[in-house]
Amino acid sequence: MGFWLAQILGLVGSLISITSLQSGSRKKILALQLLCCVLWVAQYGLLGAWTGVLINLLGLARGTVCAFNDRPWARSRVWLVLFLVCYAVSPLLTWDGPYCLLLGLSMMLTTVGLWSRNLRLTRLLFLLNSPPMFLYNLIAGAWSGAAIEAVAFCSFALAVWRFDLRPAAQAER
């Protein structure tokens, strides 16, 4: 039962993540990403994928700081550096093989994307985050997460096209 519950939690988290970038609001993207982290902590915990648990716990802290990085206490780039270092070190603390590095890389890309107030950069980094996340999920047994990550990649590509590439192409006409 735990395996199937993990697949459902991962699927719901991934569906929320996919739809988050289709909104034009940074605040909404961050709120939905926090919810995703909670669901993924539960999913990876049920699967015994401890790198996924640790990295998504860090994701909760990261999302909170990013949501408030317009305030003095959270504006410092020290936070960004701290989270990037934590994501780089986390796979080493929960080492289960080289594939754990994929999740660290993916979260580093997402961290820079969420930190940025430039939605164009956010969308691009989410697009780049998708392939290493896909591979991590396949190897960790989070099959619903891997399947939905393929869809997420398409959604992120669509968001980049809709908001970033298409307006530029129309302006050239």
N, C-alpha and C. Protein backbone atom coordinates (compact mmCIF):
# COMPACT_ATOMS: atom_id res chain seq x y z
N MET A 1 0.81 -1.20 0.00
CA MET A 1 0.00 0.00 0.00
C MET A 1 0.85 1.26 0.00
N GLY A 2 2.00 1.23 0.72
CA GLY A 2 2.87 2.39 0.80
C GLY A 2 3.44 2.79 -0.55
N PHE A 3 3.76 1.79 -1.39
CA PHE A 3 4.31 2.08 -2.71
C PHE A 3 3.29 2.84 -3.55
N TRP A 4 2.06 2.39 -3.56
CA TRP A 4 1.03 3.04 -4.39
C TRP A 4 0.66 4.41 -3.84
N LEU A 5 0.65 4.55 -2.53
CA LEU A 5 0.41 5.87 -1.94
C LEU A 5 1.52 6.83 -2.33
N ALA A 6 2.76 6.34 -2.33
CA ALA A 6 3.89 7.17 -2.74
C ALA A 6 3.72 7.62 -4.19
N GLN A 7 3.27 6.72 -5.05
CA GLN A 7 3.09 7.08 -6.46
C GLN A 7 2.00 8.15 -6.61
N ILE A 8 0.94 8.01 -5.84
CA ILE A 8 -0.16 8.99 -5.91
C ILE A 8 0.29 10.35 -5.40
N LEU A 9 1.00 10.37 -4.27
CA LEU A 9 1.51 11.64 -3.72
C LEU A 9 2.45 12.32 -4.70
N GLY A 10 3.33 11.55 -5.32
CA GLY A 10 4.25 12.10 -6.30
C GLY A 10 3.53 12.64 -7.52
N LEU A 11 2.51 11.92 -7.94
CA LEU A 11 1.73 12.34 -9.10
C LEU A 11 1.02 13.66 -8.83
N VAL A 12 0.38 13.76 -7.68
CA VAL A 12 -0.33 15.00 -7.32
C VAL A 12 0.66 16.16 -7.21
N GLY A 13 1.78 15.94 -6.54
CA GLY A 13 2.79 16.99 -6.42
C GLY A 13 3.30 17.44 -7.78
N SER A 14 3.53 16.48 -8.65
CA SER A 14 4.04 16.81 -9.99
C SER A 14 3.01 17.56 -10.81
N LEU A 15 1.75 17.17 -10.71
CA LEU A 15 0.69 17.88 -11.45
C LEU A 15 0.57 19.33 -10.98
N ILE A 16 0.69 19.52 -9.69
CA ILE A 16 0.66 20.89 -9.15
C ILE A 16 1.85 21.68 -9.65
N SER A 17 3.01 21.05 -9.65
CA SER A 17 4.22 21.73 -10.11
C SER A 17 4.09 22.15 -11.58
N ILE A 18 3.57 21.26 -12.39
CA ILE A 18 3.41 21.56 -13.81
C ILE A 18 2.51 22.77 -14.02
N THR A 19 1.41 22.79 -13.33
CA THR A 19 0.46 23.89 -13.54
C THR A 19 0.93 25.19 -12.92
N SER A 20 1.85 25.13 -11.96
CA SER A 20 2.28 26.35 -11.27
C SER A 20 2.90 27.36 -12.22
N LEU A 21 3.69 26.91 -13.18
CA LEU A 21 4.36 27.84 -14.10
C LEU A 21 3.43 28.41 -15.15
N GLN A 22 2.26 27.83 -15.29
CA GLN A 22 1.31 28.37 -16.26
C GLN A 22 0.62 29.62 -15.72
N SER A 23 0.78 29.87 -14.43
CA SER A 23 0.25 31.11 -13.88
C SER A 23 1.30 32.19 -14.11
N GLY A 24 0.87 33.40 -14.23
CA GLY A 24 1.82 34.48 -14.46
C GLY A 24 2.29 35.11 -13.16
N SER A 25 1.95 34.51 -12.02
CA SER A 25 2.23 35.12 -10.73
C SER A 25 3.37 34.41 -9.99
N ARG A 26 4.38 35.15 -9.63
CA ARG A 26 5.50 34.59 -8.87
C ARG A 26 5.03 34.08 -7.51
N LYS A 27 4.15 34.83 -6.86
CA LYS A 27 3.64 34.45 -5.53
C LYS A 27 2.89 33.11 -5.60
N LYS A 28 2.10 32.93 -6.63
CA LYS A 28 1.35 31.68 -6.79
C LYS A 28 2.30 30.52 -7.10
N ILE A 29 3.31 30.77 -7.94
CA ILE A 29 4.30 29.73 -8.24
C ILE A 29 4.97 29.26 -6.95
N LEU A 30 5.38 30.20 -6.11
CA LEU A 30 6.07 29.85 -4.86
C LEU A 30 5.15 29.08 -3.90
N ALA A 31 3.91 29.51 -3.76
CA ALA A 31 2.98 28.82 -2.86
C ALA A 31 2.74 27.39 -3.33
N LEU A 32 2.56 27.22 -4.61
CA LEU A 32 2.33 25.87 -5.13
C LEU A 32 3.58 24.99 -5.01
N GLN A 33 4.75 25.59 -5.16
CA GLN A 33 5.99 24.83 -4.99
C GLN A 33 6.16 24.35 -3.55
N LEU A 34 5.72 25.15 -2.58
CA LEU A 34 5.77 24.71 -1.17
C LEU A 34 4.88 23.49 -0.96
N LEU A 35 3.69 23.54 -1.52
CA LEU A 35 2.78 22.40 -1.41
C LEU A 35 3.40 21.15 -2.05
N CYS A 36 4.02 21.33 -3.20
CA CYS A 36 4.68 20.21 -3.87
C CYS A 36 5.75 19.59 -2.98
N CYS A 37 6.53 20.41 -2.32
CA CYS A 37 7.60 19.90 -1.45
C CYS A 37 7.04 19.02 -0.34
N VAL A 38 5.94 19.42 0.25
CA VAL A 38 5.31 18.61 1.31
C VAL A 38 4.91 17.25 0.76
N LEU A 39 4.28 17.25 -0.41
CA LEU A 39 3.84 15.98 -1.01
C LEU A 39 5.04 15.10 -1.38
N TRP A 40 6.09 15.71 -1.88
CA TRP A 40 7.27 14.94 -2.29
C TRP A 40 8.06 14.42 -1.10
N VAL A 41 8.06 15.14 0.02
CA VAL A 41 8.71 14.62 1.24
C VAL A 41 8.01 13.32 1.63
N ALA A 42 6.70 13.33 1.63
CA ALA A 42 5.94 12.12 1.98
C ALA A 42 6.21 11.00 0.97
N GLN A 43 6.20 11.33 -0.31
CA GLN A 43 6.43 10.33 -1.35
C GLN A 43 7.80 9.67 -1.20
N TYR A 44 8.85 10.48 -1.14
CA TYR A 44 10.19 9.92 -1.07
C TYR A 44 10.41 9.18 0.25
N GLY A 45 9.78 9.64 1.32
CA GLY A 45 9.87 8.94 2.60
C GLY A 45 9.29 7.53 2.49
N LEU A 46 8.15 7.42 1.85
CA LEU A 46 7.53 6.10 1.66
C LEU A 46 8.38 5.20 0.78
N LEU A 47 9.14 5.79 -0.14
CA LEU A 47 9.99 5.00 -1.03
C LEU A 47 11.38 4.72 -0.44
N GLY A 48 11.68 5.37 0.70
CA GLY A 48 13.01 5.21 1.30
C GLY A 48 14.09 5.94 0.52
N ALA A 49 13.70 6.94 -0.27
CA ALA A 49 14.65 7.74 -1.06
C ALA A 49 15.01 8.97 -0.24
N TRP A 50 16.01 8.82 0.63
CA TRP A 50 16.30 9.84 1.64
C TRP A 50 16.89 11.11 1.08
N THR A 51 17.57 11.03 -0.06
CA THR A 51 18.04 12.25 -0.70
C THR A 51 16.85 13.10 -1.10
N GLY A 52 15.83 12.46 -1.64
CA GLY A 52 14.61 13.18 -2.01
C GLY A 52 13.92 13.82 -0.82
N VAL A 53 13.90 13.12 0.32
CA VAL A 53 13.30 13.68 1.53
C VAL A 53 14.07 14.91 1.98
N LEU A 54 15.39 14.78 2.12
CA LEU A 54 16.20 15.88 2.61
C LEU A 54 16.12 17.09 1.67
N ILE A 55 16.22 16.84 0.40
CA ILE A 55 16.22 17.95 -0.56
C ILE A 55 14.87 18.66 -0.58
N ASN A 56 13.79 17.94 -0.40
CA ASN A 56 12.48 18.60 -0.38
C ASN A 56 12.20 19.29 0.95
N LEU A 57 12.80 18.83 2.03
CA LEU A 57 12.74 19.59 3.28
C LEU A 57 13.47 20.92 3.12
N LEU A 58 14.63 20.87 2.46
CA LEU A 58 15.33 22.11 2.14
C LEU A 58 14.47 22.99 1.22
N GLY A 59 13.73 22.34 0.34
CA GLY A 59 12.84 23.08 -0.57
C GLY A 59 11.79 23.89 0.17
N LEU A 60 11.30 23.36 1.28
CA LEU A 60 10.34 24.12 2.08
C LEU A 60 10.98 25.39 2.64
N ALA A 61 12.19 25.26 3.16
CA ALA A 61 12.90 26.43 3.69
C ALA A 61 13.21 27.40 2.56
N ARG A 62 13.67 26.88 1.44
CA ARG A 62 14.01 27.71 0.30
C ARG A 62 12.79 28.48 -0.21
N GLY A 63 11.68 27.80 -0.34
CA GLY A 63 10.47 28.44 -0.82
C GLY A 63 10.01 29.57 0.09
N THR A 64 10.15 29.36 1.38
CA THR A 64 9.77 30.39 2.35
C THR A 64 10.66 31.62 2.20
N VAL A 65 11.96 31.41 2.11
CA VAL A 65 12.88 32.55 1.96
C VAL A 65 12.63 33.25 0.63
N CYS A 66 12.45 32.49 -0.45
CA CYS A 66 12.20 33.09 -1.77
C CYS A 66 10.91 33.90 -1.78
N ALA A 67 9.91 33.42 -1.06
CA ALA A 67 8.63 34.14 -1.02
C ALA A 67 8.77 35.51 -0.36
N PHE A 68 9.77 35.64 0.51
CA PHE A 68 9.95 36.89 1.24
C PHE A 68 11.23 37.62 0.82
N ASN A 69 11.82 37.28 -0.33
CA ASN A 69 13.09 37.91 -0.67
C ASN A 69 12.95 39.35 -1.15
N ASP A 70 11.77 39.91 -0.98
CA ASP A 70 11.62 41.35 -1.20
C ASP A 70 11.80 42.11 0.13
N ARG A 71 11.97 41.37 1.22
CA ARG A 71 12.18 41.96 2.55
C ARG A 71 13.66 41.91 2.91
N PRO A 72 14.09 42.83 3.72
CA PRO A 72 15.53 42.91 4.03
C PRO A 72 16.14 41.62 4.58
N TRP A 73 15.45 40.93 5.49
CA TRP A 73 16.03 39.74 6.11
C TRP A 73 16.24 38.61 5.11
N ALA A 74 15.45 38.58 4.05
CA ALA A 74 15.54 37.47 3.10
C ALA A 74 16.17 37.89 1.76
N ARG A 75 16.53 39.13 1.63
CA ARG A 75 17.04 39.64 0.36
C ARG A 75 18.50 39.28 0.11
N SER A 76 19.22 39.03 1.15
CA SER A 76 20.66 38.79 1.05
C SER A 76 20.96 37.59 0.15
N ARG A 77 21.97 37.76 -0.68
CA ARG A 77 22.42 36.65 -1.55
C ARG A 77 23.05 35.53 -0.74
N VAL A 78 23.30 35.79 0.54
CA VAL A 78 23.84 34.73 1.40
C VAL A 78 22.86 33.56 1.43
N TRP A 79 21.57 33.85 1.43
CA TRP A 79 20.56 32.78 1.41
C TRP A 79 20.71 31.93 0.16
N LEU A 80 20.85 32.59 -0.97
CA LEU A 80 21.00 31.87 -2.23
C LEU A 80 22.22 30.95 -2.18
N VAL A 81 23.35 31.49 -1.74
CA VAL A 81 24.57 30.70 -1.64
C VAL A 81 24.38 29.55 -0.65
N LEU A 82 23.76 29.83 0.49
CA LEU A 82 23.52 28.79 1.50
C LEU A 82 22.70 27.64 0.92
N PHE A 83 21.61 27.97 0.23
CA PHE A 83 20.77 26.91 -0.34
C PHE A 83 21.50 26.14 -1.44
N LEU A 84 22.26 26.84 -2.26
CA LEU A 84 23.02 26.15 -3.31
C LEU A 84 24.03 25.19 -2.70
N VAL A 85 24.72 25.62 -1.64
CA VAL A 85 25.68 24.74 -0.96
C VAL A 85 24.95 23.55 -0.33
N CYS A 86 23.82 23.81 0.32
CA CYS A 86 23.05 22.72 0.94
C CYS A 86 22.60 21.69 -0.10
N TYR A 87 22.15 22.18 -1.25
CA TYR A 87 21.73 21.25 -2.31
C TYR A 87 22.90 20.49 -2.90
N ALA A 88 24.07 21.10 -2.91
CA ALA A 88 25.25 20.40 -3.42
C ALA A 88 25.72 19.33 -2.43
N VAL A 89 25.58 19.60 -1.13
CA VAL A 89 26.06 18.68 -0.10
C VAL A 89 25.04 17.59 0.23
N SER A 90 23.76 17.88 0.13
CA SER A 90 22.71 16.93 0.52
C SER A 90 22.86 15.54 -0.09
N PRO A 91 23.11 15.43 -1.38
CA PRO A 91 23.27 14.07 -1.94
C PRO A 91 24.42 13.29 -1.31
N LEU A 92 25.44 14.01 -0.85
CA LEU A 92 26.58 13.34 -0.23
C LEU A 92 26.21 12.82 1.16
N LEU A 93 25.31 13.52 1.85
CA LEU A 93 24.89 13.11 3.19
C LEU A 93 23.96 11.90 3.16
N THR A 94 23.25 11.74 2.08
CA THR A 94 22.28 10.64 1.96
C THR A 94 22.66 9.72 0.80
N TRP A 95 23.94 9.62 0.52
CA TRP A 95 24.47 8.94 -0.66
C TRP A 95 23.90 7.54 -0.82
N ASP A 96 23.34 7.32 -1.99
CA ASP A 96 22.84 6.00 -2.35
C ASP A 96 23.35 5.65 -3.75
N GLY A 97 24.27 6.46 -4.23
CA GLY A 97 24.85 6.25 -5.55
C GLY A 97 24.93 7.57 -6.30
N PRO A 98 25.64 7.57 -7.41
CA PRO A 98 25.85 8.80 -8.18
C PRO A 98 24.55 9.46 -8.66
N TYR A 99 23.49 8.67 -8.82
CA TYR A 99 22.23 9.25 -9.28
C TYR A 99 21.69 10.29 -8.32
N CYS A 100 22.08 10.26 -7.06
CA CYS A 100 21.64 11.25 -6.08
C CYS A 100 22.08 12.66 -6.47
N LEU A 101 23.20 12.75 -7.19
CA LEU A 101 23.70 14.06 -7.64
C LEU A 101 22.73 14.73 -8.61
N LEU A 102 21.96 13.93 -9.32
CA LEU A 102 20.98 14.48 -10.27
C LEU A 102 19.96 15.36 -9.55
N LEU A 103 19.51 14.89 -8.41
CA LEU A 103 18.51 15.65 -7.66
C LEU A 103 19.12 16.93 -7.10
N GLY A 104 20.35 16.86 -6.64
CA GLY A 104 21.03 18.06 -6.17
C GLY A 104 21.15 19.11 -7.27
N LEU A 105 21.57 18.68 -8.46
CA LEU A 105 21.68 19.59 -9.61
C LEU A 105 20.32 20.19 -9.96
N SER A 106 19.32 19.35 -10.01
CA SER A 106 17.98 19.82 -10.35
C SER A 106 17.50 20.89 -9.38
N MET A 107 17.72 20.65 -8.11
CA MET A 107 17.27 21.61 -7.11
C MET A 107 18.10 22.89 -7.12
N MET A 108 19.35 22.80 -7.51
CA MET A 108 20.16 24.02 -7.63
C MET A 108 19.60 24.90 -8.76
N LEU A 109 19.23 24.29 -9.87
CA LEU A 109 18.62 25.06 -10.97
C LEU A 109 17.30 25.69 -10.53
N THR A 110 16.49 24.91 -9.83
CA THR A 110 15.20 25.42 -9.36
C THR A 110 15.41 26.55 -8.36
N THR A 111 16.41 26.42 -7.50
CA THR A 111 16.68 27.45 -6.49
C THR A 111 17.00 28.78 -7.15
N VAL A 112 17.87 28.77 -8.12
CA VAL A 112 18.20 30.02 -8.82
C VAL A 112 16.95 30.55 -9.53
N GLY A 113 16.16 29.65 -10.09
CA GLY A 113 14.93 30.07 -10.76
C GLY A 113 13.92 30.71 -9.83
N LEU A 114 13.75 30.13 -8.67
CA LEU A 114 12.80 30.69 -7.71
C LEU A 114 13.33 31.96 -7.06
N TRP A 115 14.64 32.05 -6.92
CA TRP A 115 15.23 33.24 -6.31
C TRP A 115 15.06 34.45 -7.22
N SER A 116 15.17 34.19 -8.49
CA SER A 116 15.11 35.27 -9.47
C SER A 116 13.74 35.92 -9.49
N ARG A 117 13.73 37.21 -9.69
CA ARG A 117 12.47 37.92 -9.85
C ARG A 117 12.15 38.06 -11.34
N ASN A 118 13.00 37.46 -12.18
CA ASN A 118 12.84 37.47 -13.63
C ASN A 118 12.10 36.18 -14.01
N LEU A 119 10.83 36.28 -14.33
CA LEU A 119 10.04 35.09 -14.63
C LEU A 119 10.53 34.35 -15.87
N ARG A 120 11.15 35.06 -16.79
CA ARG A 120 11.71 34.41 -17.98
C ARG A 120 12.82 33.45 -17.57
N LEU A 121 13.72 33.89 -16.69
CA LEU A 121 14.79 33.03 -16.18
C LEU A 121 14.21 31.88 -15.36
N THR A 122 13.19 32.17 -14.56
CA THR A 122 12.54 31.12 -13.76
C THR A 122 12.03 30.00 -14.66
N ARG A 123 11.31 30.37 -15.70
CA ARG A 123 10.76 29.36 -16.61
C ARG A 123 11.87 28.56 -17.30
N LEU A 124 12.92 29.23 -17.75
CA LEU A 124 14.02 28.54 -18.42
C LEU A 124 14.72 27.56 -17.49
N LEU A 125 14.97 27.96 -16.25
CA LEU A 125 15.66 27.07 -15.31
C LEU A 125 14.78 25.89 -14.90
N PHE A 126 13.48 26.08 -14.84
CA PHE A 126 12.58 24.95 -14.57
C PHE A 126 12.64 23.96 -15.74
N LEU A 127 12.73 24.48 -16.96
CA LEU A 127 12.85 23.63 -18.13
C LEU A 127 14.14 22.80 -18.05
N LEU A 128 15.24 23.43 -17.69
CA LEU A 128 16.52 22.73 -17.58
C LEU A 128 16.57 21.76 -16.40
N ASN A 129 15.77 22.03 -15.37
CA ASN A 129 15.72 21.18 -14.18
C ASN A 129 15.05 19.85 -14.46
N SER A 130 14.22 19.81 -15.46
CA SER A 130 13.38 18.64 -15.71
C SER A 130 14.14 17.35 -16.08
N PRO A 131 15.11 17.36 -17.00
CA PRO A 131 15.78 16.09 -17.34
C PRO A 131 16.49 15.40 -16.17
N PRO A 132 17.28 16.13 -15.32
CA PRO A 132 17.89 15.41 -14.20
C PRO A 132 16.85 14.90 -13.19
N MET A 133 15.76 15.63 -13.02
CA MET A 133 14.69 15.17 -12.12
C MET A 133 14.05 13.90 -12.66
N PHE A 134 13.84 13.86 -13.96
CA PHE A 134 13.27 12.68 -14.62
C PHE A 134 14.14 11.45 -14.34
N LEU A 135 15.44 11.59 -14.55
CA LEU A 135 16.34 10.45 -14.33
C LEU A 135 16.38 10.02 -12.87
N TYR A 136 16.42 10.99 -11.94
CA TYR A 136 16.43 10.64 -10.52
C TYR A 136 15.17 9.84 -10.16
N ASN A 137 14.02 10.33 -10.61
CA ASN A 137 12.77 9.64 -10.29
C ASN A 137 12.74 8.22 -10.86
N LEU A 138 13.23 8.04 -12.07
CA LEU A 138 13.28 6.69 -12.65
C LEU A 138 14.11 5.76 -11.78
N ILE A 139 15.29 6.21 -11.39
CA ILE A 139 16.20 5.36 -10.63
C ILE A 139 15.70 5.13 -9.21
N ALA A 140 15.05 6.14 -8.60
CA ALA A 140 14.57 6.03 -7.21
C ALA A 140 13.27 5.22 -7.11
N GLY A 141 12.67 4.88 -8.24
CA GLY A 141 11.41 4.12 -8.21
C GLY A 141 10.18 5.00 -8.11
N ALA A 142 10.35 6.28 -8.30
CA ALA A 142 9.21 7.22 -8.29
C ALA A 142 8.69 7.32 -9.72
N TRP A 143 8.09 6.23 -10.18
CA TRP A 143 7.70 6.12 -11.58
C TRP A 143 6.64 7.13 -11.98
N SER A 144 5.71 7.39 -11.09
CA SER A 144 4.69 8.40 -11.43
C SER A 144 5.36 9.76 -11.57
N GLY A 145 6.35 10.03 -10.73
CA GLY A 145 7.09 11.28 -10.83
C GLY A 145 7.88 11.38 -12.12
N ALA A 146 8.47 10.26 -12.55
CA ALA A 146 9.23 10.25 -13.81
C ALA A 146 8.29 10.46 -15.00
N ALA A 147 7.16 9.79 -14.98
CA ALA A 147 6.21 9.94 -16.09
C ALA A 147 5.70 11.36 -16.18
N ILE A 148 5.37 11.93 -15.05
CA ILE A 148 4.83 13.27 -15.07
C ILE A 148 5.92 14.29 -15.37
N GLU A 149 7.17 13.95 -15.06
CA GLU A 149 8.27 14.86 -15.37
C GLU A 149 8.42 15.05 -16.87
N ALA A 150 8.11 14.01 -17.62
CA ALA A 150 8.12 14.14 -19.09
C ALA A 150 7.05 15.14 -19.52
N VAL A 151 5.90 15.07 -18.88
CA VAL A 151 4.83 16.02 -19.17
C VAL A 151 5.23 17.41 -18.68
N ALA A 152 5.89 17.46 -17.52
CA ALA A 152 6.34 18.74 -16.97
C ALA A 152 7.29 19.43 -17.94
N PHE A 153 8.19 18.66 -18.52
CA PHE A 153 9.13 19.23 -19.48
C PHE A 153 8.37 19.90 -20.62
N CYS A 154 7.35 19.23 -21.12
CA CYS A 154 6.52 19.82 -22.19
C CYS A 154 5.81 21.07 -21.70
N SER A 155 5.30 21.03 -20.48
CA SER A 155 4.61 22.20 -19.92
C SER A 155 5.57 23.37 -19.75
N PHE A 156 6.76 23.09 -19.25
CA PHE A 156 7.75 24.15 -19.07
C PHE A 156 8.16 24.73 -20.42
N ALA A 157 8.32 23.84 -21.42
CA ALA A 157 8.67 24.31 -22.77
C ALA A 157 7.54 25.19 -23.32
N LEU A 158 6.30 24.78 -23.08
CA LEU A 158 5.15 25.58 -23.52
C LEU A 158 5.15 26.95 -22.83
N ALA A 159 5.43 26.98 -21.54
CA ALA A 159 5.47 28.25 -20.81
C ALA A 159 6.56 29.16 -21.36
N VAL A 160 7.73 28.60 -21.66
CA VAL A 160 8.81 29.39 -22.24
C VAL A 160 8.37 29.94 -23.60
N TRP A 161 7.73 29.10 -24.40
CA TRP A 161 7.26 29.54 -25.72
C TRP A 161 6.19 30.62 -25.58
N ARG A 162 5.19 30.37 -24.73
CA ARG A 162 4.06 31.31 -24.58
C ARG A 162 4.49 32.69 -24.09
N PHE A 163 5.32 32.69 -23.05
CA PHE A 163 5.64 33.95 -22.39
C PHE A 163 6.94 34.59 -22.88
N ASP A 164 7.86 33.78 -23.41
CA ASP A 164 9.19 34.31 -23.72
C ASP A 164 9.52 34.34 -25.21
N LEU A 165 9.26 33.25 -25.91
CA LEU A 165 9.65 33.18 -27.31
C LEU A 165 8.60 33.77 -28.25
N ARG A 166 7.34 33.45 -28.04
CA ARG A 166 6.29 33.93 -28.93
C ARG A 166 6.17 35.44 -28.94
N PRO A 167 6.19 36.11 -27.79
CA PRO A 167 6.12 37.59 -27.85
C PRO A 167 7.29 38.20 -28.61
N ALA A 168 8.49 37.61 -28.47
CA ALA A 168 9.65 38.14 -29.18
C ALA A 168 9.48 37.95 -30.69
N ALA A 169 8.96 36.79 -31.08
CA ALA A 169 8.74 36.52 -32.52
C ALA A 169 7.68 37.45 -33.09
N GLN A 170 6.63 37.73 -32.32
CA GLN A 170 5.59 38.65 -32.79
C GLN A 170 6.09 40.07 -32.89
N ALA A 171 7.01 40.45 -32.01
CA ALA A 171 7.55 41.80 -32.04
C ALA A 171 8.43 42.03 -33.27
N GLU A 172 9.05 40.93 -33.78
CA GLU A 172 9.91 41.06 -34.94
C GLU A 172 9.11 41.25 -36.24
N ARG A 173 7.85 40.92 -36.22
CA ARG A 173 7.03 41.04 -37.45
C ARG A 173 6.69 42.45 -37.75
